[in-house]
Amino acid sequence: MYSWRGEAENGSTAALTFDDTDGSFVIENDDSSLTLSGLCFADDEKIIICDDESGQNYTFAYRLYGDRVELTYDGSTLTLDKTD
């Protein structure tokens, strides 16, 4: 799996990375940040990150377009570009 990074219209940045069986999704803006990190599962339509800190599972729908991925959560979509 690859690493992905993008910037939203409001200036927030997002990064999605993978390491063996773990995944990490980080959103940062000027005032705060959010990190979801832990065991990760993926299929052709979704990525599930089991966050170690909260114990919650977060499901992201995704569509892959070569070096770009559209990641959707709770009705909002963010476009990320492949970084490696």
C-alpha atoms as a PDB file:
ATOM      1  CA  MET A   1       0.000   0.000   0.000  1.00  0.00           C
ATOM      2  CA  TYR A   2       1.084   3.559  -0.543  1.00  0.00           C
ATOM      3  CA  SER A   3       1.149   6.792   1.429  1.00  0.00           C
ATOM      4  CA  TRP A   4      -1.330   9.511   0.503  1.00  0.00           C
ATOM      5  CA  ARG A   5      -1.551  13.219   1.270  1.00  0.00           C
ATOM      6  CA  GLY A   6      -3.949  16.035   0.453  1.00  0.00           C
ATOM      7  CA  GLU A   7      -5.204  19.479   1.385  1.00  0.00           C
ATOM      8  CA  ALA A   8      -8.833  20.533   1.816  1.00  0.00           C
ATOM      9  CA  GLU A   9     -10.265  23.843   0.632  1.00  0.00           C
ATOM     10  CA  ASN A  10     -10.206  25.152   4.220  1.00  0.00           C
ATOM     11  CA  GLY A  11      -6.420  24.619   4.461  1.00  0.00           C
ATOM     12  CA  SER A  12      -6.555  21.427   6.530  1.00  0.00           C
ATOM     13  CA  THR A  13      -4.127  18.707   5.517  1.00  0.00           C
ATOM     14  CA  ALA A  14      -4.732  14.970   5.606  1.00  0.00           C
ATOM     15  CA  ALA A  15      -2.416  11.983   5.371  1.00  0.00           C
ATOM     16  CA  LEU A  16      -3.180   8.286   5.037  1.00  0.00           C
ATOM     17  CA  THR A  17      -0.324   5.851   5.589  1.00  0.00           C
ATOM     18  CA  PHE A  18       0.087   2.109   6.023  1.00  0.00           C
ATOM     19  CA  ASP A  19       2.652  -0.050   7.815  1.00  0.00           C
ATOM     20  CA  ASP A  20       2.192  -3.813   7.544  1.00  0.00           C
ATOM     21  CA  THR A  21      -1.233  -4.443   9.119  1.00  0.00           C
ATOM     22  CA  ASP A  22      -1.629  -0.945  10.593  1.00  0.00           C
ATOM     23  CA  GLY A  23      -3.085   2.185   9.053  1.00  0.00           C
ATOM     24  CA  SER A  24      -2.953   5.808  10.128  1.00  0.00           C
ATOM     25  CA  PHE A  25      -5.163   8.734   9.108  1.00  0.00           C
ATOM     26  CA  VAL A  26      -4.146  12.201  10.303  1.00  0.00           C
ATOM     27  CA  ILE A  27      -5.982  15.497   9.774  1.00  0.00           C
ATOM     28  CA  GLU A  28      -4.330  18.752  10.834  1.00  0.00           C
ATOM     29  CA  ASN A  29      -5.348  22.393  10.713  1.00  0.00           C
ATOM     30  CA  ASP A  30      -4.125  25.574  12.388  1.00  0.00           C
ATOM     31  CA  ASP A  31      -5.937  24.872  15.656  1.00  0.00           C
ATOM     32  CA  SER A  32      -5.922  21.120  16.156  1.00  0.00           C
ATOM     33  CA  SER A  33      -5.245  17.661  14.806  1.00  0.00           C
ATOM     34  CA  LEU A  34      -6.904  14.256  14.764  1.00  0.00           C
ATOM     35  CA  THR A  35      -5.080  10.942  14.477  1.00  0.00           C
ATOM     36  CA  LEU A  36      -6.695   7.546  13.906  1.00  0.00           C
ATOM     37  CA  SER A  37      -4.184   4.731  14.036  1.00  0.00           C
ATOM     38  CA  GLY A  38      -4.268   0.979  14.481  1.00  0.00           C
ATOM     39  CA  LEU A  39      -5.065  -2.328  12.848  1.00  0.00           C
ATOM     40  CA  CYS A  40      -6.327  -1.784   9.312  1.00  0.00           C
ATOM     41  CA  PHE A  41      -8.455  -3.836   6.903  1.00  0.00           C
ATOM     42  CA  ALA A  42      -9.073  -2.992   3.254  1.00  0.00           C
ATOM     43  CA  ASP A  43     -11.021  -4.415   0.350  1.00  0.00           C
ATOM     44  CA  ASP A  44     -11.926  -3.040  -3.091  1.00  0.00           C
ATOM     45  CA  GLU A  45     -14.386  -0.477  -1.676  1.00  0.00           C
ATOM     46  CA  LYS A  46     -13.482   0.415   1.903  1.00  0.00           C
ATOM     47  CA  ILE A  47     -10.722   0.854   4.453  1.00  0.00           C
ATOM     48  CA  ILE A  48     -11.384   0.174   8.137  1.00  0.00           C
ATOM     49  CA  ILE A  49      -9.020   1.560  10.772  1.00  0.00           C
ATOM     50  CA  CYS A  50      -9.430   0.158  14.300  1.00  0.00           C
ATOM     51  CA  ASP A  51      -8.193   3.108  16.349  1.00  0.00           C
ATOM     52  CA  ASP A  52      -5.945   1.966  19.208  1.00  0.00           C
ATOM     53  CA  GLU A  53      -6.656   4.982  21.404  1.00  0.00           C
ATOM     54  CA  SER A  54     -10.465   5.167  21.249  1.00  0.00           C
ATOM     55  CA  GLY A  55     -11.223   1.516  20.531  1.00  0.00           C
ATOM     56  CA  GLN A  56     -13.563   2.627  17.719  1.00  0.00           C
ATOM     57  CA  ASN A  57     -13.589   1.333  14.142  1.00  0.00           C
ATOM     58  CA  TYR A  58     -13.662   3.942  11.362  1.00  0.00           C
ATOM     59  CA  THR A  59     -14.811   2.938   7.890  1.00  0.00           C
ATOM     60  CA  PHE A  60     -13.781   4.989   4.858  1.00  0.00           C
ATOM     61  CA  ALA A  61     -15.165   4.349   1.391  1.00  0.00           C
ATOM     62  CA  TYR A  62     -12.618   4.967  -1.329  1.00  0.00           C
ATOM     63  CA  ARG A  63     -12.147   5.142  -5.086  1.00  0.00           C
ATOM     64  CA  LEU A  64      -8.709   4.795  -6.585  1.00  0.00           C
ATOM     65  CA  TYR A  65      -7.753   6.780  -9.694  1.00  0.00           C
ATOM     66  CA  GLY A  66      -4.111   5.876 -10.356  1.00  0.00           C
ATOM     67  CA  ASP A  67      -2.030   8.305  -8.274  1.00  0.00           C
ATOM     68  CA  ARG A  68      -5.113   9.818  -6.615  1.00  0.00           C
ATOM     69  CA  VAL A  69      -7.645   8.427  -4.165  1.00  0.00           C
ATOM     70  CA  GLU A  70     -11.010   9.849  -3.129  1.00  0.00           C
ATOM     71  CA  LEU A  71     -11.630   9.013   0.519  1.00  0.00           C
ATOM     72  CA  THR A  72     -15.189   9.372   1.860  1.00  0.00           C
ATOM     73  CA  TYR A  73     -16.335   9.378   5.479  1.00  0.00           C
ATOM     74  CA  ASP A  74     -19.767  10.382   6.770  1.00  0.00           C
ATOM     75  CA  GLY A  75     -20.749  11.976   3.448  1.00  0.00           C
ATOM     76  CA  SER A  76     -17.606  14.113   3.065  1.00  0.00           C
ATOM     77  CA  THR A  77     -15.005  13.350   0.407  1.00  0.00           C
ATOM     78  CA  LEU A  78     -11.341  14.267   0.453  1.00  0.00           C
ATOM     79  CA  THR A  79      -8.930  13.784  -2.447  1.00  0.00           C
ATOM     80  CA  LEU A  80      -5.439  12.556  -1.609  1.00  0.00           C
ATOM     81  CA  ASP A  81      -2.419  12.174  -3.894  1.00  0.00           C
ATOM     82  CA  LYS A  82       0.078   9.304  -3.739  1.00  0.00           C
ATOM     83  CA  THR A  83       3.347  10.380  -2.102  1.00  0.00           C
ATOM     84  CA  ASP A  84       5.434   7.227  -2.646  1.00  0.00           C
END
